């Protein structure tokens, strides 16, 4: 998967595909991206067209050249198939990426040798219940969010956790995030940073008019329920900012951990702390590294 609108991403994708083909690995791309990266493709080139979102059983890995947005788009292929994602960052932050653009030869050798390790992370399952019937369901890697549809009005949601009422919040909406997504929308809404290996969910109200409106970290096997109240304006349920469903008063949104984890291919052993420092350019001058610690 490639951010075809960036010339450096196209160049990196060509380098990746060429290296993999040279090692006897077939590469498949969505038809539009294949055209953007290569134009026309000769038969027997080692490049295949991926039709639709359903990957074949022979697919081992989804390699992404771009930023976090491209990785979220690629997840729509990888997650249903249970295939690991490997990101090569060409975005601004790239929290989900494992390698940088100058690591392409190393990425190729790691894929060919299968020297990467697979890390499992919690993902989200969400559904909308209307008149006691499920009318929509989806999954999310980062978060599901209930957001108001009109700027000038608030929405009111009654939130329950584990089947027990917690609070009614009027505001801009509600975010339920995974640890992976804790540095995305939930973080912007004032939520905590959660290490990706932690098995948990984050519940975070958005600009709530309430005395109690703190973000919470909860058991991932608990169901978060949010019912749109009668006085609310129109609202939308979003999944990773990519898929949405229109909500009406009375609709109930239920979110919990996805039954199957999302899989990421890891090339490096760097700790998440180091990633936070690098991505947010945190000041750490003055820290003295202990002998033998890397």
C-alpha atoms as a PDB file:
ATOM      1  CA  UNK A   1       0.000   0.000   0.000  1.00  0.00           C
ATOM      2  CA  UNK A   2       1.416   3.369  -1.024  1.00  0.00           C
ATOM      3  CA  UNK A   3       0.712   7.051  -0.481  1.00  0.00           C
ATOM      4  CA  UNK A   4       0.841   7.528  -4.255  1.00  0.00           C
ATOM      5  CA  UNK A   5       0.451  11.292  -3.968  1.00  0.00           C
ATOM      6  CA  UNK A   6       4.004  11.654  -2.663  1.00  0.00           C
ATOM      7  CA  UNK A   7       6.920  11.165  -5.027  1.00  0.00           C
ATOM      8  CA  UNK A   8       9.198   9.815  -2.280  1.00  0.00           C
ATOM      9  CA  UNK A   9       6.579   7.189  -1.403  1.00  0.00           C
ATOM     10  CA  UNK A  10       6.336   6.108  -5.041  1.00  0.00           C
ATOM     11  CA  UNK A  11      10.130   5.831  -5.252  1.00  0.00           C
ATOM     12  CA  UNK A  12      10.278   3.791  -2.028  1.00  0.00           C
ATOM     13  CA  UNK A  13       7.458   1.515  -3.247  1.00  0.00           C
ATOM     14  CA  UNK A  14       9.328   0.834  -6.473  1.00  0.00           C
ATOM     15  CA  UNK A  15      12.504   0.066  -4.536  1.00  0.00           C
ATOM     16  CA  UNK A  16      10.622  -2.292  -2.226  1.00  0.00           C
ATOM     17  CA  UNK A  17       8.827  -4.099  -5.039  1.00  0.00           C
ATOM     18  CA  UNK A  18      12.031  -4.440  -7.056  1.00  0.00           C
ATOM     19  CA  UNK A  19      13.949  -5.843  -4.088  1.00  0.00           C
ATOM     20  CA  UNK A  20      11.208  -8.318  -3.226  1.00  0.00           C
ATOM     21  CA  UNK A  21      10.764  -9.425  -6.843  1.00  0.00           C
ATOM     22  CA  UNK A  22      14.517  -9.975  -7.162  1.00  0.00           C
ATOM     23  CA  UNK A  23      14.309 -12.339  -4.185  1.00  0.00           C
ATOM     24  CA  UNK A  24      11.437 -14.267  -5.772  1.00  0.00           C
ATOM     25  CA  UNK A  25       8.643 -12.676  -3.731  1.00  0.00           C
ATOM     26  CA  UNK A  26       5.467 -11.740  -5.590  1.00  0.00           C
ATOM     27  CA  UNK A  27       4.042  -8.283  -4.871  1.00  0.00           C
ATOM     28  CA  UNK A  28       0.415  -7.303  -5.279  1.00  0.00           C
ATOM     29  CA  UNK A  29      -1.036  -3.787  -5.224  1.00  0.00           C
ATOM     30  CA  UNK A  30      -4.514  -2.321  -5.623  1.00  0.00           C
ATOM     31  CA  UNK A  31      -5.086  -1.533  -9.300  1.00  0.00           C
ATOM     32  CA  UNK A  32      -5.151   2.256  -8.881  1.00  0.00           C
ATOM     33  CA  UNK A  33      -1.938   2.295  -6.848  1.00  0.00           C
ATOM     34  CA  UNK A  34      -0.219  -0.036  -9.268  1.00  0.00           C
ATOM     35  CA  UNK A  35      -1.047   2.395 -12.069  1.00  0.00           C
ATOM     36  CA  UNK A  36       0.174   5.370 -10.014  1.00  0.00           C
ATOM     37  CA  UNK A  37       3.457   3.687  -9.098  1.00  0.00           C
ATOM     38  CA  UNK A  38       4.270   1.903 -12.361  1.00  0.00           C
ATOM     39  CA  UNK A  39       1.889   3.093 -15.060  1.00  0.00           C
ATOM     40  CA  UNK A  40       1.659  -0.048 -17.179  1.00  0.00           C
ATOM     41  CA  UNK A  41       2.829  -3.418 -15.902  1.00  0.00           C
ATOM     42  CA  UNK A  42       4.196  -6.193 -18.080  1.00  0.00           C
ATOM     43  CA  UNK A  43       2.940  -9.765 -17.630  1.00  0.00           C
ATOM     44  CA  UNK A  44       5.310 -11.961 -15.585  1.00  0.00           C
ATOM     45  CA  UNK A  45       6.690  -8.833 -13.915  1.00  0.00           C
ATOM     46  CA  UNK A  46       6.168 -10.224 -10.414  1.00  0.00           C
ATOM     47  CA  UNK A  47       3.485  -7.582  -9.807  1.00  0.00           C
ATOM     48  CA  UNK A  48      -0.113  -8.652  -9.278  1.00  0.00           C
ATOM     49  CA  UNK A  49      -3.353  -6.676  -9.104  1.00  0.00           C
ATOM     50  CA  UNK A  50      -5.279  -6.801  -5.824  1.00  0.00           C
ATOM     51  CA  UNK A  51      -8.999  -6.673  -6.509  1.00  0.00           C
ATOM     52  CA  UNK A  52     -11.215  -5.710  -3.560  1.00  0.00           C
ATOM     53  CA  UNK A  53     -10.326  -5.885   0.136  1.00  0.00           C
ATOM     54  CA  UNK A  54     -10.162  -9.670   0.505  1.00  0.00           C
ATOM     55  CA  UNK A  55      -6.576 -10.900   0.453  1.00  0.00           C
ATOM     56  CA  UNK A  56      -5.658 -14.364  -0.836  1.00  0.00           C
ATOM     57  CA  UNK A  57      -4.480 -17.021   1.624  1.00  0.00           C
ATOM     58  CA  UNK A  58      -0.979 -16.803   0.159  1.00  0.00           C
ATOM     59  CA  UNK A  59      -0.487 -13.215   1.346  1.00  0.00           C
ATOM     60  CA  UNK A  60       2.020 -13.117   4.244  1.00  0.00           C
ATOM     61  CA  UNK A  61       2.415  -9.416   4.955  1.00  0.00           C
ATOM     62  CA  UNK A  62       0.959  -6.010   4.118  1.00  0.00           C
ATOM     63  CA  UNK A  63       3.795  -3.504   3.676  1.00  0.00           C
ATOM     64  CA  UNK A  64       2.774   0.144   3.818  1.00  0.00           C
ATOM     65  CA  UNK A  65       4.722   3.103   2.414  1.00  0.00           C
ATOM     66  CA  UNK A  66       3.309   6.299   3.868  1.00  0.00           C
ATOM     67  CA  UNK A  67       2.124   7.781   7.156  1.00  0.00           C
ATOM     68  CA  UNK A  68      -0.382   6.630   9.755  1.00  0.00           C
ATOM     69  CA  UNK A  69      -3.297   7.475   7.456  1.00  0.00           C
ATOM     70  CA  UNK A  70      -2.010   5.068   4.816  1.00  0.00           C
ATOM     71  CA  UNK A  71      -1.521   2.399   7.476  1.00  0.00           C
ATOM     72  CA  UNK A  72      -5.136   2.815   8.610  1.00  0.00           C
ATOM     73  CA  UNK A  73      -6.218   2.390   4.986  1.00  0.00           C
ATOM     74  CA  UNK A  74      -4.039  -0.701   4.642  1.00  0.00           C
ATOM     75  CA  UNK A  75      -5.544  -2.123   7.837  1.00  0.00           C
ATOM     76  CA  UNK A  76      -8.810  -2.565   5.940  1.00  0.00           C
ATOM     77  CA  UNK A  77      -7.009  -5.270   3.956  1.00  0.00           C
ATOM     78  CA  UNK A  78      -4.838  -6.739   6.706  1.00  0.00           C
ATOM     79  CA  UNK A  79      -7.136  -6.925   9.742  1.00  0.00           C
ATOM     80  CA  UNK A  80      -9.931  -9.102   8.261  1.00  0.00           C
ATOM     81  CA  UNK A  81      -7.282 -11.460   6.858  1.00  0.00           C
ATOM     82  CA  UNK A  82      -5.255 -11.602  10.089  1.00  0.00           C
ATOM     83  CA  UNK A  83      -2.127 -10.562   8.149  1.00  0.00           C
ATOM     84  CA  UNK A  84       0.585  -8.498   9.902  1.00  0.00           C
ATOM     85  CA  UNK A  85       1.112  -4.846   8.947  1.00  0.00           C
ATOM     86  CA  UNK A  86       4.591  -3.417   8.375  1.00  0.00           C
ATOM     87  CA  UNK A  87       4.813   0.366   7.989  1.00  0.00           C
ATOM     88  CA  UNK A  88       7.575   2.353   6.282  1.00  0.00           C
ATOM     89  CA  UNK A  89       7.061   5.922   7.493  1.00  0.00           C
ATOM     90  CA  UNK A  90       6.851   8.841   5.084  1.00  0.00           C
ATOM     91  CA  UNK A  91       4.383  10.876   7.142  1.00  0.00           C
ATOM     92  CA  UNK A  92       4.815  13.577   9.773  1.00  0.00           C
ATOM     93  CA  UNK A  93       4.665  11.467  12.944  1.00  0.00           C
ATOM     94  CA  UNK A  94       4.289   7.847  11.889  1.00  0.00           C
ATOM     95  CA  UNK A  95       3.467   6.289  15.253  1.00  0.00           C
ATOM     96  CA  UNK A  96       2.230   3.120  13.579  1.00  0.00           C
ATOM     97  CA  UNK A  97       5.250   2.717  11.304  1.00  0.00           C
ATOM     98  CA  UNK A  98       8.147   0.437  12.090  1.00  0.00           C
ATOM     99  CA  UNK A  99      10.788   1.724   9.672  1.00  0.00           C
ATOM    100  CA  UNK A 100      11.800   4.985   8.015  1.00  0.00           C
ATOM    101  CA  UNK A 101      12.158   5.549   4.282  1.00  0.00           C
ATOM    102  CA  UNK A 102      15.942   5.092   4.323  1.00  0.00           C
ATOM    103  CA  UNK A 103      15.465   1.567   5.777  1.00  0.00           C
ATOM    104  CA  UNK A 104      14.043   0.098   2.550  1.00  0.00           C
ATOM    105  CA  UNK A 105      16.935  -2.371   1.903  1.00  0.00           C
ATOM    106  CA  UNK A 106      16.665  -3.560   5.517  1.00  0.00           C
ATOM    107  CA  UNK A 107      12.895  -3.937   5.154  1.00  0.00           C
ATOM    108  CA  UNK A 108      13.366  -6.029   2.013  1.00  0.00           C
ATOM    109  CA  UNK A 109      15.894  -8.354   3.659  1.00  0.00           C
ATOM    110  CA  UNK A 110      13.714  -8.704   6.774  1.00  0.00           C
ATOM    111  CA  UNK A 111      10.675  -9.661   4.692  1.00  0.00           C
ATOM    112  CA  UNK A 112      12.625 -12.105   2.531  1.00  0.00           C
ATOM    113  CA  UNK A 113      14.318 -13.736   5.542  1.00  0.00           C
ATOM    114  CA  UNK A 114      11.143 -13.573   7.638  1.00  0.00           C
ATOM    115  CA  UNK A 115      13.307 -12.146  10.406  1.00  0.00           C
ATOM    116  CA  UNK A 116      10.572  -9.840  11.688  1.00  0.00           C
ATOM    117  CA  UNK A 117       8.564 -10.685  14.798  1.00  0.00           C
ATOM    118  CA  UNK A 118       4.825 -10.236  15.108  1.00  0.00           C
ATOM    119  CA  UNK A 119       3.329  -8.136  17.900  1.00  0.00           C
ATOM    120  CA  UNK A 120      -0.367  -8.438  18.715  1.00  0.00           C
ATOM    121  CA  UNK A 121      -2.386  -5.386  19.741  1.00  0.00           C
ATOM    122  CA  UNK A 122      -5.916  -4.813  20.962  1.00  0.00           C
ATOM    123  CA  UNK A 123      -8.411  -3.569  18.377  1.00  0.00           C
ATOM    124  CA  UNK A 124     -12.019  -2.437  18.702  1.00  0.00           C
ATOM    125  CA  UNK A 125     -15.352  -3.876  17.677  1.00  0.00           C
ATOM    126  CA  UNK A 126     -18.342  -1.526  17.519  1.00  0.00           C
ATOM    127  CA  UNK A 127     -21.983  -1.841  16.584  1.00  0.00           C
ATOM    128  CA  UNK A 128     -25.094   0.331  16.431  1.00  0.00           C
ATOM    129  CA  UNK A 129     -28.364  -0.953  17.909  1.00  0.00           C
ATOM    130  CA  UNK A 130     -31.635   0.702  16.834  1.00  0.00           C
ATOM    131  CA  UNK A 131     -35.014  -0.532  18.075  1.00  0.00           C
ATOM    132  CA  UNK A 132     -33.330  -3.639  19.550  1.00  0.00           C
ATOM    133  CA  UNK A 133     -31.769  -4.608  16.218  1.00  0.00           C
ATOM    134  CA  UNK A 134     -28.191  -4.247  15.034  1.00  0.00           C
ATOM    135  CA  UNK A 135     -28.123  -1.869  12.061  1.00  0.00           C
ATOM    136  CA  UNK A 136     -24.352  -1.425  11.574  1.00  0.00           C
ATOM    137  CA  UNK A 137     -21.111  -2.920  12.811  1.00  0.00           C
ATOM    138  CA  UNK A 138     -17.434  -2.214  12.250  1.00  0.00           C
ATOM    139  CA  UNK A 139     -13.967  -2.514  13.760  1.00  0.00           C
ATOM    140  CA  UNK A 140     -11.219   0.005  14.453  1.00  0.00           C
ATOM    141  CA  UNK A 141      -7.476  -0.026  14.958  1.00  0.00           C
ATOM    142  CA  UNK A 142      -7.226   3.396  16.633  1.00  0.00           C
ATOM    143  CA  UNK A 143     -10.659   4.432  17.839  1.00  0.00           C
ATOM    144  CA  UNK A 144     -14.379   4.731  17.355  1.00  0.00           C
ATOM    145  CA  UNK A 145     -15.809   8.184  17.976  1.00  0.00           C
ATOM    146  CA  UNK A 146     -19.299   9.597  18.331  1.00  0.00           C
ATOM    147  CA  UNK A 147     -19.231  13.134  16.945  1.00  0.00           C
ATOM    148  CA  UNK A 148     -21.830  15.832  16.516  1.00  0.00           C
ATOM    149  CA  UNK A 149     -23.026  16.432  12.996  1.00  0.00           C
ATOM    150  CA  UNK A 150     -23.671  20.161  13.300  1.00  0.00           C
ATOM    151  CA  UNK A 151     -21.111  22.594  14.648  1.00  0.00           C
ATOM    152  CA  UNK A 152     -23.547  24.886  16.464  1.00  0.00           C
ATOM    153  CA  UNK A 153     -25.225  22.216  18.629  1.00  0.00           C
ATOM    154  CA  UNK A 154     -24.052  19.659  21.169  1.00  0.00           C
ATOM    155  CA  UNK A 155     -24.962  16.012  21.419  1.00  0.00           C
ATOM    156  CA  UNK A 156     -25.947  14.301  24.634  1.00  0.00           C
ATOM    157  CA  UNK A 157     -24.966  10.712  25.355  1.00  0.00           C
ATOM    158  CA  UNK A 158     -25.709   8.454  28.308  1.00  0.00           C
ATOM    159  CA  UNK A 159     -22.620   6.322  28.869  1.00  0.00           C
ATOM    160  CA  UNK A 160     -22.530   2.977  30.625  1.00  0.00           C
ATOM    161  CA  UNK A 161     -19.601   0.666  31.268  1.00  0.00           C
ATOM    162  CA  UNK A 162     -20.029  -3.022  31.908  1.00  0.00           C
ATOM    163  CA  UNK A 163     -23.810  -2.735  31.812  1.00  0.00           C
ATOM    164  CA  UNK A 164     -23.932  -0.072  34.535  1.00  0.00           C
ATOM    165  CA  UNK A 165     -24.715   3.625  33.959  1.00  0.00           C
ATOM    166  CA  UNK A 166     -21.759   5.978  34.437  1.00  0.00           C
ATOM    167  CA  UNK A 167     -22.792   9.495  33.400  1.00  0.00           C
ATOM    168  CA  UNK A 168     -24.724  11.566  30.884  1.00  0.00           C
ATOM    169  CA  UNK A 169     -22.483  13.935  28.964  1.00  0.00           C
ATOM    170  CA  UNK A 170     -23.429  16.837  26.744  1.00  0.00           C
ATOM    171  CA  UNK A 171     -20.643  18.022  24.481  1.00  0.00           C
ATOM    172  CA  UNK A 172     -18.921  17.357  21.179  1.00  0.00           C
ATOM    173  CA  UNK A 173     -18.904  13.582  21.509  1.00  0.00           C
ATOM    174  CA  UNK A 174     -17.112  10.539  22.856  1.00  0.00           C
ATOM    175  CA  UNK A 175     -13.991   8.584  21.904  1.00  0.00           C
ATOM    176  CA  UNK A 176     -13.341   4.935  22.705  1.00  0.00           C
ATOM    177  CA  UNK A 177      -9.739   4.181  21.802  1.00  0.00           C
ATOM    178  CA  UNK A 178      -7.291   1.301  21.828  1.00  0.00           C
ATOM    179  CA  UNK A 179      -3.806   1.621  23.353  1.00  0.00           C
ATOM    180  CA  UNK A 180      -2.492   1.961  19.792  1.00  0.00           C
ATOM    181  CA  UNK A 181      -4.915   4.838  19.223  1.00  0.00           C
ATOM    182  CA  UNK A 182      -4.193   6.523  22.552  1.00  0.00           C
ATOM    183  CA  UNK A 183      -1.677   8.789  20.796  1.00  0.00           C
ATOM    184  CA  UNK A 184      -4.198   9.741  18.093  1.00  0.00           C
ATOM    185  CA  UNK A 185      -7.660  11.325  18.527  1.00  0.00           C
ATOM    186  CA  UNK A 186      -7.999  10.345  22.205  1.00  0.00           C
ATOM    187  CA  UNK A 187      -4.692  12.042  23.018  1.00  0.00           C
ATOM    188  CA  UNK A 188      -5.856  15.243  21.305  1.00  0.00           C
ATOM    189  CA  UNK A 189      -9.041  15.085  23.409  1.00  0.00           C
ATOM    190  CA  UNK A 190      -7.028  14.941  26.639  1.00  0.00           C
ATOM    191  CA  UNK A 191      -6.732  11.190  27.107  1.00  0.00           C
ATOM    192  CA  UNK A 192      -3.698   9.345  28.528  1.00  0.00           C
ATOM    193  CA  UNK A 193      -0.877   7.777  26.542  1.00  0.00           C
ATOM    194  CA  UNK A 194      -1.162   3.997  26.926  1.00  0.00           C
ATOM    195  CA  UNK A 195       1.678   1.676  25.958  1.00  0.00           C
ATOM    196  CA  UNK A 196       0.560  -0.422  22.947  1.00  0.00           C
ATOM    197  CA  UNK A 197       1.257  -3.750  24.688  1.00  0.00           C
ATOM    198  CA  UNK A 198      -1.231  -2.925  27.471  1.00  0.00           C
ATOM    199  CA  UNK A 199      -4.532  -4.771  27.144  1.00  0.00           C
ATOM    200  CA  UNK A 200      -7.046  -1.977  27.786  1.00  0.00           C
ATOM    201  CA  UNK A 201      -9.445   0.559  26.277  1.00  0.00           C
ATOM    202  CA  UNK A 202      -9.610   4.330  26.767  1.00  0.00           C
ATOM    203  CA  UNK A 203     -12.937   6.141  27.163  1.00  0.00           C
ATOM    204  CA  UNK A 204     -12.614   9.874  26.599  1.00  0.00           C
ATOM    205  CA  UNK A 205     -15.418  12.487  26.399  1.00  0.00           C
ATOM    206  CA  UNK A 206     -14.877  15.322  23.907  1.00  0.00           C
ATOM    207  CA  UNK A 207     -15.374  18.812  25.368  1.00  0.00           C
ATOM    208  CA  UNK A 208     -18.029  17.584  27.799  1.00  0.00           C
ATOM    209  CA  UNK A 209     -20.091  20.055  29.844  1.00  0.00           C
ATOM    210  CA  UNK A 210     -19.909  18.107  33.102  1.00  0.00           C
ATOM    211  CA  UNK A 211     -18.214  18.125  36.483  1.00  0.00           C
ATOM    212  CA  UNK A 212     -16.952  14.600  35.873  1.00  0.00           C
ATOM    213  CA  UNK A 213     -15.514  14.291  32.394  1.00  0.00           C
ATOM    214  CA  UNK A 214     -12.183  12.552  32.898  1.00  0.00           C
ATOM    215  CA  UNK A 215     -10.705  10.058  30.465  1.00  0.00           C
ATOM    216  CA  UNK A 216     -10.758   6.497  31.810  1.00  0.00           C
ATOM    217  CA  UNK A 217      -8.746   3.338  31.172  1.00  0.00           C
ATOM    218  CA  UNK A 218     -10.923   0.245  31.391  1.00  0.00           C
ATOM    219  CA  UNK A 219     -10.933  -3.535  30.992  1.00  0.00           C
ATOM    220  CA  UNK A 220     -10.970  -4.323  27.234  1.00  0.00           C
ATOM    221  CA  UNK A 221     -13.487  -7.119  27.751  1.00  0.00           C
ATOM    222  CA  UNK A 222     -15.974  -4.612  29.157  1.00  0.00           C
ATOM    223  CA  UNK A 223     -18.609  -3.219  26.803  1.00  0.00           C
ATOM    224  CA  UNK A 224     -18.893   0.557  26.582  1.00  0.00           C
ATOM    225  CA  UNK A 225     -22.459   1.591  25.784  1.00  0.00           C
ATOM    226  CA  UNK A 226     -23.443   5.094  24.664  1.00  0.00           C
ATOM    227  CA  UNK A 227     -27.074   5.988  23.947  1.00  0.00           C
ATOM    228  CA  UNK A 228     -27.886   9.121  21.959  1.00  0.00           C
ATOM    229  CA  UNK A 229     -30.382  11.135  23.990  1.00  0.00           C
ATOM    230  CA  UNK A 230     -33.633  12.546  22.609  1.00  0.00           C
ATOM    231  CA  UNK A 231     -32.494  16.193  22.828  1.00  0.00           C
ATOM    232  CA  UNK A 232     -29.387  15.558  20.758  1.00  0.00           C
ATOM    233  CA  UNK A 233     -28.730  16.915  17.311  1.00  0.00           C
ATOM    234  CA  UNK A 234     -27.595  14.645  14.500  1.00  0.00           C
ATOM    235  CA  UNK A 235     -24.465  12.603  15.186  1.00  0.00           C
ATOM    236  CA  UNK A 236     -22.016  10.314  13.405  1.00  0.00           C
ATOM    237  CA  UNK A 237     -20.185   7.193  14.514  1.00  0.00           C
ATOM    238  CA  UNK A 238     -16.698   7.076  13.001  1.00  0.00           C
ATOM    239  CA  UNK A 239     -14.209   4.202  12.893  1.00  0.00           C
ATOM    240  CA  UNK A 240     -10.585   5.330  12.481  1.00  0.00           C
ATOM    241  CA  UNK A 241     -11.897   8.429  10.694  1.00  0.00           C
ATOM    242  CA  UNK A 242     -12.501   6.257   7.621  1.00  0.00           C
ATOM    243  CA  UNK A 243     -15.897   4.576   7.986  1.00  0.00           C
ATOM    244  CA  UNK A 244     -18.990   6.299   9.364  1.00  0.00           C
ATOM    245  CA  UNK A 245     -22.651   5.761  10.166  1.00  0.00           C
ATOM    246  CA  UNK A 246     -25.359   8.363  10.834  1.00  0.00           C
ATOM    247  CA  UNK A 247     -26.862   8.144  14.327  1.00  0.00           C
ATOM    248  CA  UNK A 248     -30.296   9.325  15.440  1.00  0.00           C
ATOM    249  CA  UNK A 249     -31.686   9.898  18.954  1.00  0.00           C
ATOM    250  CA  UNK A 250     -32.324   6.572  20.653  1.00  0.00           C
ATOM    251  CA  UNK A 251     -29.470   4.771  18.892  1.00  0.00           C
ATOM    252  CA  UNK A 252     -27.128   2.827  21.149  1.00  0.00           C
ATOM    253  CA  UNK A 253     -23.457   2.365  20.287  1.00  0.00           C
ATOM    254  CA  UNK A 254     -21.643  -0.588  21.857  1.00  0.00           C
ATOM    255  CA  UNK A 255     -17.851  -0.908  21.762  1.00  0.00           C
ATOM    256  CA  UNK A 256     -15.555  -3.593  23.118  1.00  0.00           C
ATOM    257  CA  UNK A 257     -12.293  -5.316  22.222  1.00  0.00           C
ATOM    258  CA  UNK A 258     -12.214  -7.103  18.875  1.00  0.00           C
ATOM    259  CA  UNK A 259     -12.096 -10.877  19.269  1.00  0.00           C
ATOM    260  CA  UNK A 260      -8.929 -11.149  17.173  1.00  0.00           C
ATOM    261  CA  UNK A 261      -5.943  -8.838  17.732  1.00  0.00           C
ATOM    262  CA  UNK A 262      -4.353  -6.664  15.082  1.00  0.00           C
ATOM    263  CA  UNK A 263      -0.899  -7.891  14.128  1.00  0.00           C
ATOM    264  CA  UNK A 264       2.096  -5.655  13.504  1.00  0.00           C
ATOM    265  CA  UNK A 265       5.423  -6.805  12.099  1.00  0.00           C
ATOM    266  CA  UNK A 266       8.306  -5.498  14.206  1.00  0.00           C
ATOM    267  CA  UNK A 267      11.852  -5.119  12.883  1.00  0.00           C
ATOM    268  CA  UNK A 268      13.432  -3.355  15.846  1.00  0.00           C
ATOM    269  CA  UNK A 269      13.530  -3.921  19.594  1.00  0.00           C
ATOM    270  CA  UNK A 270      13.328  -0.213  20.524  1.00  0.00           C
ATOM    271  CA  UNK A 271      11.007   0.508  23.449  1.00  0.00           C
ATOM    272  CA  UNK A 272       7.851   2.559  23.079  1.00  0.00           C
ATOM    273  CA  UNK A 273       9.450   5.158  25.345  1.00  0.00           C
ATOM    274  CA  UNK A 274      12.079   5.789  22.674  1.00  0.00           C
ATOM    275  CA  UNK A 275       9.371   6.136  20.052  1.00  0.00           C
ATOM    276  CA  UNK A 276       7.541   8.724  22.146  1.00  0.00           C
ATOM    277  CA  UNK A 277      10.745  10.711  22.586  1.00  0.00           C
ATOM    278  CA  UNK A 278      11.563  10.577  18.861  1.00  0.00           C
ATOM    279  CA  UNK A 279       8.073  11.298  17.519  1.00  0.00           C
ATOM    280  CA  UNK A 280       7.255  14.139  19.933  1.00  0.00           C
ATOM    281  CA  UNK A 281      10.853  15.383  20.153  1.00  0.00           C
ATOM    282  CA  UNK A 282      10.700  15.265  23.943  1.00  0.00           C
ATOM    283  CA  UNK A 283      13.557  16.937  25.870  1.00  0.00           C
ATOM    284  CA  UNK A 284      15.731  14.292  27.536  1.00  0.00           C
ATOM    285  CA  UNK A 285      19.070  16.098  27.735  1.00  0.00           C
ATOM    286  CA  UNK A 286      20.799  15.441  31.033  1.00  0.00           C
ATOM    287  CA  UNK A 287      19.753  11.790  31.244  1.00  0.00           C
ATOM    288  CA  UNK A 288      22.736   9.552  31.872  1.00  0.00           C
ATOM    289  CA  UNK A 289      22.497   6.152  30.263  1.00  0.00           C
ATOM    290  CA  UNK A 290      23.378   3.311  32.591  1.00  0.00           C
ATOM    291  CA  UNK A 291      26.323   1.156  31.660  1.00  0.00           C
ATOM    292  CA  UNK A 292      25.301  -1.647  29.346  1.00  0.00           C
ATOM    293  CA  UNK A 293      21.810  -0.212  28.743  1.00  0.00           C
ATOM    294  CA  UNK A 294      20.771   0.428  25.139  1.00  0.00           C
END
